[in-house]
Structure formats: structure tokens, C-alpha cells
């Protein structure tokens, strides 16, 4: 199993079971699964390792490739569930709902607000499930999710890209 996002490799290892947020619903993957390509929607990736430990990661979308002997995920972005800022997510949800409630909103702003709302709601649900698992003592194992600091990252003016 390999998970990669724009910052590099996120996870590499063996898996007994993987649950992935595919575009048309969650896909459960066992060894020997039939080949498949699918887009991913925002949601949590759950990896059950051979020792029974579960790794949980939030994906903001991407692509999934399943081969009988390997699963590859190319994520748009990924985030440890424990690193989700629920207060920031709630604020973004309010902003998106406000935009969606307006009648005279440009189609692009409306679509952007819908995607933002879906992503932030998925983050909140993933965080809530994570908290329940932690309360039950089912931690996320000892995988080191920390990544090296980014170097030579180009500065991008998002507003210029949108215009």
C-alpha cells in the first residue's frame, strides 16, 4: 500500500484491509482485489495493518489505483486526523453555507462553496470518529506521520490563478 500527496510519500506498508472514500462511496479493499481506478472524495482513509493496528488519514480527494498486489493512492492533500482544527472547519462551514444561501452568487463561487462545505463536513465527521476511537482506547498506532519540512516551495498567489 502506497499513499502519496503533493508533499511526497505519506504512507508505505503492508495492509490487511483498506477503506477508501471513493467518489461513489466507500470502498473496502482486501488482498487480491480486482483492478480498479477511481476518483476519491474528501474523507478518511483507514488502513488496517497485518498486526491489527489501524492508521487513519484524512484525504482531500485524489485518485485510487487497485492492483491485485498493491493499492496506490495519489492524494490531492492529506492530513492526520488528530491535526484537524475543528474550530477552523466549523468557521469554513459557516462561510460556505453563507455563500450557498445567497441567491446571486456566480456559478464558480457557488461550486467552490459546495466543495468547501463537503470537505469540511467530511473533516468534522472523521475527527468525531477519531475521538470516539481514542476514547475507547483504540489509538492509531505508532506510525510516524511527521514529514520533513518543505524546502524550495514556490510562492503562489491563488487570487491570480482564480482570475
N, C-alpha and C. Protein backbone atom coordinates (compact mmCIF):
# COMPACT_ATOMS: atom_id res chain seq x y z
N UNK A 1 0.86 -1.18 0.00
CA UNK A 1 0.00 0.00 0.00
C UNK A 1 0.89 1.22 0.00
N UNK A 2 0.60 2.16 -0.91
CA UNK A 2 1.35 3.42 -1.01
C UNK A 2 0.37 4.58 -1.04
N UNK A 3 0.66 5.61 -0.22
CA UNK A 3 -0.12 6.84 -0.24
C UNK A 3 0.87 7.99 -0.45
N UNK A 4 0.59 8.79 -1.48
CA UNK A 4 1.44 9.92 -1.82
C UNK A 4 0.56 11.14 -2.01
N UNK A 5 1.03 12.30 -1.53
CA UNK A 5 0.31 13.54 -1.83
C UNK A 5 1.31 14.53 -2.42
N UNK A 6 0.90 15.77 -2.56
CA UNK A 6 1.75 16.77 -3.21
C UNK A 6 3.05 17.02 -2.47
N UNK A 7 3.10 16.67 -1.20
CA UNK A 7 4.30 16.88 -0.39
C UNK A 7 5.23 15.68 -0.39
N UNK A 8 4.80 14.58 -0.96
CA UNK A 8 5.65 13.39 -1.01
C UNK A 8 4.95 12.17 -0.44
N UNK A 9 5.76 11.17 -0.11
CA UNK A 9 5.24 9.91 0.40
C UNK A 9 4.65 10.11 1.80
N UNK A 10 3.44 9.60 2.00
CA UNK A 10 2.75 9.73 3.27
C UNK A 10 2.78 8.41 4.03
N UNK A 11 2.55 7.32 3.31
CA UNK A 11 2.50 6.01 3.96
C UNK A 11 2.92 4.94 2.95
N UNK A 12 3.75 4.03 3.41
CA UNK A 12 4.10 2.85 2.63
C UNK A 12 4.15 1.68 3.60
N UNK A 13 3.46 0.62 3.28
CA UNK A 13 3.48 -0.55 4.15
C UNK A 13 2.47 -1.58 3.72
N UNK A 14 2.50 -2.69 4.42
CA UNK A 14 1.56 -3.77 4.16
C UNK A 14 0.20 -3.43 4.80
N UNK A 15 -0.85 -3.98 4.24
CA UNK A 15 -2.18 -3.75 4.77
C UNK A 15 -3.00 -5.03 4.69
N UNK A 16 -3.76 -5.27 5.72
CA UNK A 16 -4.68 -6.41 5.73
C UNK A 16 -6.03 -5.99 5.15
N UNK A 17 -6.40 -4.72 5.38
CA UNK A 17 -7.66 -4.17 4.88
C UNK A 17 -7.50 -2.66 4.74
N UNK A 18 -8.11 -2.09 3.70
CA UNK A 18 -8.06 -0.65 3.48
C UNK A 18 -9.47 -0.17 3.15
N UNK A 19 -9.91 0.91 3.79
CA UNK A 19 -11.19 1.54 3.47
C UNK A 19 -10.88 2.92 2.91
N UNK A 20 -11.40 3.18 1.69
CA UNK A 20 -11.06 4.38 0.94
C UNK A 20 -12.34 5.15 0.58
N UNK A 21 -12.33 6.50 0.70
CA UNK A 21 -13.51 7.29 0.33
C UNK A 21 -13.57 7.55 -1.18
N UNK A 22 -14.08 6.60 -1.94
CA UNK A 22 -14.18 6.75 -3.39
C UNK A 22 -15.33 7.70 -3.74
N UNK A 23 -15.34 8.16 -4.98
CA UNK A 23 -16.35 9.13 -5.41
C UNK A 23 -17.77 8.62 -5.24
N UNK A 24 -18.00 7.35 -5.48
CA UNK A 24 -19.36 6.82 -5.41
C UNK A 24 -19.66 6.10 -4.09
N UNK A 25 -18.77 6.24 -3.11
CA UNK A 25 -18.97 5.61 -1.81
C UNK A 25 -17.69 4.96 -1.33
N UNK A 26 -17.71 4.52 -0.10
CA UNK A 26 -16.51 3.92 0.48
C UNK A 26 -16.25 2.54 -0.13
N UNK A 27 -14.98 2.29 -0.42
CA UNK A 27 -14.56 1.00 -0.97
C UNK A 27 -13.72 0.29 0.07
N UNK A 28 -14.05 -0.97 0.34
CA UNK A 28 -13.24 -1.81 1.21
C UNK A 28 -12.36 -2.68 0.33
N UNK A 29 -11.07 -2.72 0.64
CA UNK A 29 -10.10 -3.42 -0.20
C UNK A 29 -9.39 -4.49 0.62
N UNK A 30 -9.45 -5.71 0.14
CA UNK A 30 -8.72 -6.83 0.73
C UNK A 30 -7.65 -7.28 -0.26
N UNK A 31 -6.63 -8.01 0.21
CA UNK A 31 -5.62 -8.51 -0.72
C UNK A 31 -6.27 -9.31 -1.86
N UNK A 32 -5.75 -9.13 -3.08
CA UNK A 32 -6.29 -9.84 -4.24
C UNK A 32 -7.48 -9.16 -4.88
N UNK A 33 -7.81 -7.94 -4.47
CA UNK A 33 -8.94 -7.20 -5.04
C UNK A 33 -8.76 -7.04 -6.55
N UNK A 34 -9.85 -7.03 -7.27
CA UNK A 34 -9.82 -6.83 -8.72
C UNK A 34 -9.27 -5.44 -9.04
N UNK A 35 -8.58 -5.31 -10.17
CA UNK A 35 -8.05 -4.00 -10.57
C UNK A 35 -9.17 -2.96 -10.70
N UNK A 36 -8.87 -1.73 -10.29
CA UNK A 36 -9.86 -0.67 -10.29
C UNK A 36 -9.16 0.67 -10.27
N UNK A 37 -9.71 1.64 -10.98
CA UNK A 37 -9.30 3.05 -10.91
C UNK A 37 -10.51 3.84 -10.45
N UNK A 38 -10.30 4.78 -9.53
CA UNK A 38 -11.42 5.58 -9.05
C UNK A 38 -10.92 6.93 -8.57
N UNK A 39 -11.77 7.92 -8.72
CA UNK A 39 -11.51 9.21 -8.09
C UNK A 39 -11.83 9.10 -6.61
N UNK A 40 -11.25 9.98 -5.82
CA UNK A 40 -11.52 9.99 -4.39
C UNK A 40 -12.21 11.28 -4.00
N UNK A 41 -13.10 11.19 -3.04
CA UNK A 41 -13.74 12.37 -2.48
C UNK A 41 -13.11 12.64 -1.12
N UNK A 42 -13.35 13.79 -0.53
CA UNK A 42 -12.81 14.04 0.80
C UNK A 42 -13.37 13.03 1.80
N UNK A 43 -12.50 12.50 2.63
CA UNK A 43 -12.92 11.54 3.64
C UNK A 43 -11.73 10.85 4.27
N UNK A 44 -12.02 9.91 5.14
CA UNK A 44 -10.93 9.26 5.85
C UNK A 44 -10.50 7.96 5.20
N UNK A 45 -9.21 7.77 5.18
CA UNK A 45 -8.58 6.55 4.71
C UNK A 45 -8.22 5.75 5.96
N UNK A 46 -8.70 4.51 6.03
CA UNK A 46 -8.38 3.65 7.17
C UNK A 46 -7.58 2.45 6.68
N UNK A 47 -6.41 2.28 7.26
CA UNK A 47 -5.52 1.19 6.87
C UNK A 47 -5.37 0.26 8.07
N UNK A 48 -5.80 -0.98 7.91
CA UNK A 48 -5.60 -1.98 8.97
C UNK A 48 -4.35 -2.76 8.59
N UNK A 49 -3.33 -2.65 9.42
CA UNK A 49 -2.06 -3.31 9.17
C UNK A 49 -2.14 -4.78 9.57
N UNK A 50 -1.18 -5.59 9.12
CA UNK A 50 -1.19 -7.02 9.46
C UNK A 50 -1.23 -7.30 10.96
N UNK A 51 -0.66 -6.40 11.78
CA UNK A 51 -0.66 -6.61 13.24
C UNK A 51 -1.96 -6.14 13.90
N UNK A 52 -2.92 -5.65 13.10
CA UNK A 52 -4.21 -5.21 13.65
C UNK A 52 -4.28 -3.73 13.97
N UNK A 53 -3.16 -3.03 13.97
CA UNK A 53 -3.16 -1.59 14.22
C UNK A 53 -3.86 -0.88 13.06
N UNK A 54 -4.58 0.19 13.37
CA UNK A 54 -5.27 0.96 12.34
C UNK A 54 -4.64 2.33 12.21
N UNK A 55 -4.32 2.69 10.99
CA UNK A 55 -3.81 4.03 10.67
C UNK A 55 -4.96 4.79 10.00
N UNK A 56 -5.16 6.03 10.42
CA UNK A 56 -6.25 6.84 9.87
C UNK A 56 -5.67 8.14 9.33
N UNK A 57 -6.10 8.50 8.13
CA UNK A 57 -5.61 9.70 7.48
C UNK A 57 -6.78 10.35 6.76
N UNK A 58 -6.86 11.67 6.79
CA UNK A 58 -7.90 12.38 6.05
C UNK A 58 -7.36 12.76 4.68
N UNK A 59 -8.09 12.40 3.64
CA UNK A 59 -7.72 12.73 2.26
C UNK A 59 -8.68 13.80 1.75
N UNK A 60 -8.14 14.77 1.03
CA UNK A 60 -8.99 15.82 0.46
C UNK A 60 -9.36 15.53 -0.98
N UNK A 61 -9.25 14.29 -1.39
CA UNK A 61 -9.56 13.91 -2.77
C UNK A 61 -8.32 13.31 -3.41
N UNK A 62 -8.44 12.91 -4.67
CA UNK A 62 -7.31 12.35 -5.38
C UNK A 62 -7.73 11.20 -6.27
N UNK A 63 -6.80 10.28 -6.48
CA UNK A 63 -7.04 9.11 -7.33
C UNK A 63 -6.60 7.85 -6.61
N UNK A 64 -7.30 6.75 -6.91
CA UNK A 64 -7.02 5.44 -6.33
C UNK A 64 -6.77 4.46 -7.46
N UNK A 65 -5.71 3.66 -7.33
CA UNK A 65 -5.47 2.56 -8.26
C UNK A 65 -5.32 1.29 -7.43
N UNK A 66 -6.12 0.29 -7.77
CA UNK A 66 -6.04 -1.00 -7.09
C UNK A 66 -5.54 -2.03 -8.09
N UNK A 67 -4.50 -2.75 -7.72
CA UNK A 67 -4.00 -3.90 -8.45
C UNK A 67 -4.08 -5.07 -7.47
N UNK A 68 -4.09 -6.31 -7.94
CA UNK A 68 -4.24 -7.44 -7.01
C UNK A 68 -3.21 -7.47 -5.88
N UNK A 69 -2.01 -6.90 -6.11
CA UNK A 69 -0.98 -6.98 -5.08
C UNK A 69 -0.54 -5.63 -4.52
N UNK A 70 -1.15 -4.51 -4.97
CA UNK A 70 -0.78 -3.20 -4.44
C UNK A 70 -1.92 -2.20 -4.62
N UNK A 71 -2.04 -1.32 -3.64
CA UNK A 71 -3.00 -0.22 -3.69
C UNK A 71 -2.19 1.06 -3.68
N UNK A 72 -2.48 1.96 -4.63
CA UNK A 72 -1.77 3.23 -4.71
C UNK A 72 -2.78 4.36 -4.64
N UNK A 73 -2.52 5.31 -3.77
CA UNK A 73 -3.38 6.49 -3.64
C UNK A 73 -2.54 7.72 -3.93
N UNK A 74 -3.00 8.51 -4.89
CA UNK A 74 -2.40 9.80 -5.20
C UNK A 74 -3.37 10.85 -4.67
N UNK A 75 -3.08 11.37 -3.49
CA UNK A 75 -4.00 12.29 -2.82
C UNK A 75 -3.73 13.74 -3.21
N UNK A 76 -4.79 14.52 -3.32
CA UNK A 76 -4.63 15.96 -3.53
C UNK A 76 -3.90 16.56 -2.34
N UNK A 77 -4.34 16.19 -1.14
CA UNK A 77 -3.71 16.61 0.11
C UNK A 77 -4.13 15.60 1.17
N UNK A 78 -3.32 15.46 2.20
CA UNK A 78 -3.65 14.54 3.28
C UNK A 78 -3.34 15.22 4.61
N UNK A 79 -3.98 14.73 5.64
CA UNK A 79 -3.88 15.34 6.96
C UNK A 79 -4.12 14.28 8.01
N UNK A 80 -3.31 14.30 9.05
CA UNK A 80 -3.57 13.40 10.17
C UNK A 80 -4.89 13.82 10.80
N UNK A 81 -5.69 12.87 11.18
CA UNK A 81 -6.99 13.19 11.79
C UNK A 81 -6.79 14.04 13.04
N UNK A 82 -5.78 13.71 13.84
CA UNK A 82 -5.53 14.44 15.08
C UNK A 82 -5.15 15.90 14.81
N UNK A 83 -4.70 16.23 13.60
CA UNK A 83 -4.30 17.59 13.27
C UNK A 83 -5.43 18.45 12.72
N UNK A 84 -6.62 17.90 12.61
CA UNK A 84 -7.75 18.67 12.11
C UNK A 84 -8.13 19.73 13.15
N UNK A 85 -8.26 20.96 12.71
CA UNK A 85 -8.68 22.06 13.57
C UNK A 85 -10.19 22.20 13.42
N UNK A 86 -10.94 21.65 14.38
CA UNK A 86 -12.40 21.64 14.25
C UNK A 86 -13.00 23.04 14.29
N UNK A 87 -12.36 23.96 15.00
CA UNK A 87 -12.89 25.33 15.05
C UNK A 87 -12.75 26.00 13.68
N UNK A 88 -11.61 25.80 13.04
CA UNK A 88 -11.42 26.34 11.70
C UNK A 88 -12.40 25.69 10.71
N UNK A 89 -12.61 24.39 10.84
CA UNK A 89 -13.55 23.70 9.96
C UNK A 89 -14.96 24.24 10.14
N UNK A 90 -15.35 24.47 11.37
CA UNK A 90 -16.70 25.00 11.63
C UNK A 90 -16.87 26.39 11.04
N UNK A 91 -15.82 27.22 11.12
CA UNK A 91 -15.87 28.56 10.52
C UNK A 91 -16.00 28.46 9.00
N UNK A 92 -15.24 27.56 8.39
CA UNK A 92 -15.32 27.39 6.95
C UNK A 92 -16.68 26.87 6.52
N UNK A 93 -17.28 26.02 7.33
CA UNK A 93 -18.63 25.52 7.04
C UNK A 93 -19.61 26.68 7.05
N UNK A 94 -19.53 27.54 8.06
CA UNK A 94 -20.42 28.70 8.15
C UNK A 94 -20.26 29.60 6.93
N UNK A 95 -19.01 29.86 6.53
CA UNK A 95 -18.76 30.71 5.36
C UNK A 95 -19.33 30.09 4.09
N UNK A 96 -19.13 28.79 3.93
CA UNK A 96 -19.65 28.12 2.74
C UNK A 96 -21.17 28.13 2.73
N UNK A 97 -21.78 27.88 3.88
CA UNK A 97 -23.25 27.90 3.96
C UNK A 97 -23.79 29.29 3.66
N UNK A 98 -23.08 30.31 4.13
CA UNK A 98 -23.49 31.69 3.85
C UNK A 98 -23.45 31.97 2.35
N UNK A 99 -22.39 31.54 1.70
CA UNK A 99 -22.26 31.73 0.25
C UNK A 99 -23.36 30.99 -0.49
N UNK A 100 -23.63 29.76 -0.07
CA UNK A 100 -24.66 28.96 -0.74
C UNK A 100 -26.07 29.53 -0.52
N UNK A 101 -26.27 30.24 0.59
CA UNK A 101 -27.59 30.80 0.88
C UNK A 101 -27.91 32.04 0.04
N UNK A 102 -26.87 32.68 -0.49
CA UNK A 102 -27.08 33.87 -1.32
C UNK A 102 -27.68 33.48 -2.66
N UNK A 103 -28.59 34.28 -3.16
CA UNK A 103 -29.25 33.98 -4.43
C UNK A 103 -28.38 34.35 -5.64
N UNK A 104 -27.75 35.49 -5.59
CA UNK A 104 -27.00 35.98 -6.75
C UNK A 104 -25.50 35.72 -6.56
N UNK A 105 -25.13 34.47 -6.63
CA UNK A 105 -23.73 34.09 -6.48
C UNK A 105 -23.23 33.55 -7.82
N UNK A 106 -22.07 34.01 -8.28
CA UNK A 106 -21.53 33.45 -9.53
C UNK A 106 -21.39 31.93 -9.43
N UNK A 107 -21.59 31.25 -10.53
CA UNK A 107 -21.58 29.79 -10.54
C UNK A 107 -20.27 29.22 -9.99
N UNK A 108 -19.15 29.86 -10.30
CA UNK A 108 -17.86 29.37 -9.82
C UNK A 108 -17.76 29.48 -8.29
N UNK A 109 -18.24 30.58 -7.72
CA UNK A 109 -18.22 30.74 -6.27
C UNK A 109 -19.15 29.73 -5.61
N UNK A 110 -20.28 29.48 -6.24
CA UNK A 110 -21.24 28.51 -5.70
C UNK A 110 -20.61 27.11 -5.68
N UNK A 111 -19.96 26.72 -6.79
CA UNK A 111 -19.32 25.40 -6.87
C UNK A 111 -18.18 25.29 -5.86
N UNK A 112 -17.40 26.36 -5.72
CA UNK A 112 -16.29 26.36 -4.76
C UNK A 112 -16.83 26.21 -3.34
N UNK A 113 -17.91 26.90 -3.03
CA UNK A 113 -18.51 26.82 -1.70
C UNK A 113 -19.06 25.41 -1.43
N UNK A 114 -19.67 24.80 -2.44
CA UNK A 114 -20.17 23.43 -2.27
C UNK A 114 -19.04 22.46 -1.95
N UNK A 115 -17.94 22.56 -2.69
CA UNK A 115 -16.79 21.68 -2.44
C UNK A 115 -16.18 21.92 -1.07
N UNK A 116 -16.08 23.18 -0.69
CA UNK A 116 -15.55 23.53 0.64
C UNK A 116 -16.44 22.95 1.74
N UNK A 117 -17.74 23.06 1.56
CA UNK A 117 -18.67 22.53 2.54
C UNK A 117 -18.54 21.01 2.66
N UNK A 118 -18.48 20.32 1.54
CA UNK A 118 -18.33 18.86 1.57
C UNK A 118 -17.03 18.45 2.26
N UNK A 119 -15.93 19.13 1.93
CA UNK A 119 -14.63 18.80 2.51
C UNK A 119 -14.61 19.04 4.02
N UNK A 120 -15.12 20.16 4.46
CA UNK A 120 -15.07 20.50 5.89
C UNK A 120 -16.03 19.63 6.72
N UNK A 121 -17.19 19.29 6.17
CA UNK A 121 -18.10 18.38 6.87
C UNK A 121 -17.46 17.00 6.99
N UNK A 122 -16.80 16.55 5.93
CA UNK A 122 -16.10 15.26 5.99
C UNK A 122 -15.00 15.29 7.05
N UNK A 123 -14.28 16.41 7.16
CA UNK A 123 -13.25 16.54 8.18
C UNK A 123 -13.84 16.41 9.58
N UNK A 124 -14.96 17.10 9.81
CA UNK A 124 -15.59 17.03 11.13
C UNK A 124 -16.04 15.62 11.47
N UNK A 125 -16.64 14.93 10.51
CA UNK A 125 -17.08 13.55 10.75
C UNK A 125 -15.89 12.64 11.05
N UNK A 126 -14.81 12.80 10.29
CA UNK A 126 -13.61 11.99 10.52
C UNK A 126 -13.03 12.27 11.90
N UNK A 127 -12.99 13.53 12.29
CA UNK A 127 -12.46 13.90 13.60
C UNK A 127 -13.32 13.31 14.72
N UNK A 128 -14.64 13.37 14.56
CA UNK A 128 -15.53 12.82 15.58
C UNK A 128 -15.34 11.31 15.73
N UNK A 129 -15.21 10.59 14.61
CA UNK A 129 -14.97 9.14 14.68
C UNK A 129 -13.63 8.85 15.34
N UNK A 130 -12.63 9.67 15.05
CA UNK A 130 -11.31 9.53 15.65
C UNK A 130 -11.40 9.70 17.17
N UNK A 131 -12.14 10.72 17.61
CA UNK A 131 -12.27 10.96 19.05
C UNK A 131 -12.94 9.78 19.75
N UNK A 132 -13.95 9.21 19.12
CA UNK A 132 -14.63 8.04 19.70
C UNK A 132 -13.66 6.87 19.82
N UNK A 133 -12.86 6.64 18.79
CA UNK A 133 -11.89 5.55 18.82
C UNK A 133 -10.86 5.78 19.92
N UNK A 134 -10.40 7.01 20.08
CA UNK A 134 -9.42 7.33 21.11
C UNK A 134 -10.01 7.10 22.50
N UNK A 135 -11.29 7.47 22.70
CA UNK A 135 -11.93 7.27 24.00
C UNK A 135 -12.07 5.80 24.35
N UNK A 136 -12.20 4.97 23.33
CA UNK A 136 -12.31 3.53 23.55
C UNK A 136 -10.94 2.87 23.70
N UNK A 137 -9.89 3.67 23.57
CA UNK A 137 -8.54 3.13 23.72
C UNK A 137 -8.02 2.47 22.47
N UNK A 138 -8.60 2.77 21.33
CA UNK A 138 -8.20 2.12 20.08
C UNK A 138 -7.23 2.92 19.26
N UNK A 139 -6.41 3.78 19.85
CA UNK A 139 -5.43 4.65 19.19
C UNK A 139 -5.10 4.32 17.75
N UNK A 140 -4.32 5.16 17.16
CA UNK A 140 -3.98 4.98 15.75
C UNK A 140 -2.60 4.35 15.57
N UNK A 141 -2.09 3.72 16.59
CA UNK A 141 -0.82 3.01 16.44
C UNK A 141 0.37 3.91 16.59
N UNK A 142 1.51 3.40 16.22
CA UNK A 142 2.74 4.15 16.43
C UNK A 142 3.40 4.58 15.12
N UNK A 143 2.68 4.68 14.05
CA UNK A 143 3.26 5.12 12.78
C UNK A 143 3.66 6.59 12.89
N UNK A 144 4.84 6.91 12.43
CA UNK A 144 5.34 8.28 12.48
C UNK A 144 4.81 9.05 11.27
N UNK A 145 3.78 9.88 11.48
CA UNK A 145 3.15 10.61 10.38
C UNK A 145 3.87 11.92 10.06
N UNK A 146 4.87 12.28 10.84
CA UNK A 146 5.54 13.56 10.60
C UNK A 146 6.33 13.51 9.31
N UNK A 147 6.31 14.62 8.61
CA UNK A 147 7.02 14.73 7.34
C UNK A 147 8.16 15.71 7.50
N UNK A 148 9.19 15.59 6.69
CA UNK A 148 10.26 16.59 6.75
C UNK A 148 9.72 17.94 6.28
N UNK A 149 10.37 19.00 6.77
CA UNK A 149 9.96 20.35 6.37
C UNK A 149 10.12 20.53 4.87
N UNK A 150 9.20 21.27 4.26
CA UNK A 150 9.27 21.53 2.83
C UNK A 150 10.38 22.53 2.53
N UNK A 151 11.06 22.32 1.42
CA UNK A 151 12.13 23.22 1.02
C UNK A 151 11.89 23.69 -0.40
N UNK A 152 12.28 24.91 -0.68
CA UNK A 152 12.18 25.49 -2.03
C UNK A 152 10.76 25.45 -2.58
N UNK A 153 9.80 25.77 -1.74
CA UNK A 153 8.41 25.77 -2.17
C UNK A 153 8.12 27.10 -2.87
N UNK A 154 7.64 27.07 -4.12
CA UNK A 154 7.36 28.32 -4.82
C UNK A 154 6.17 29.04 -4.19
N UNK A 155 6.24 30.36 -4.19
CA UNK A 155 5.13 31.15 -3.66
C UNK A 155 4.10 31.30 -4.78
N UNK A 156 2.84 31.01 -4.46
CA UNK A 156 1.77 31.06 -5.44
C UNK A 156 0.71 32.02 -4.95
N UNK A 157 0.31 32.95 -5.80
CA UNK A 157 -0.77 33.86 -5.49
C UNK A 157 -2.04 33.23 -6.03
N UNK A 158 -2.83 32.65 -5.12
CA UNK A 158 -4.04 31.93 -5.51
C UNK A 158 -5.03 32.85 -6.21
N UNK A 159 -5.11 34.10 -5.78
CA UNK A 159 -6.06 35.04 -6.39
C UNK A 159 -5.75 35.22 -7.88
N UNK A 160 -4.47 35.30 -8.23
CA UNK A 160 -4.10 35.45 -9.64
C UNK A 160 -4.52 34.22 -10.45
N UNK A 161 -4.39 33.05 -9.84
CA UNK A 161 -4.78 31.82 -10.54
C UNK A 161 -6.28 31.78 -10.80
N UNK A 162 -7.06 32.31 -9.85
CA UNK A 162 -8.51 32.27 -9.96
C UNK A 162 -9.03 33.29 -10.97
N UNK A 163 -8.29 34.39 -11.16
CA UNK A 163 -8.75 35.45 -12.07
C UNK A 163 -8.56 35.10 -13.49
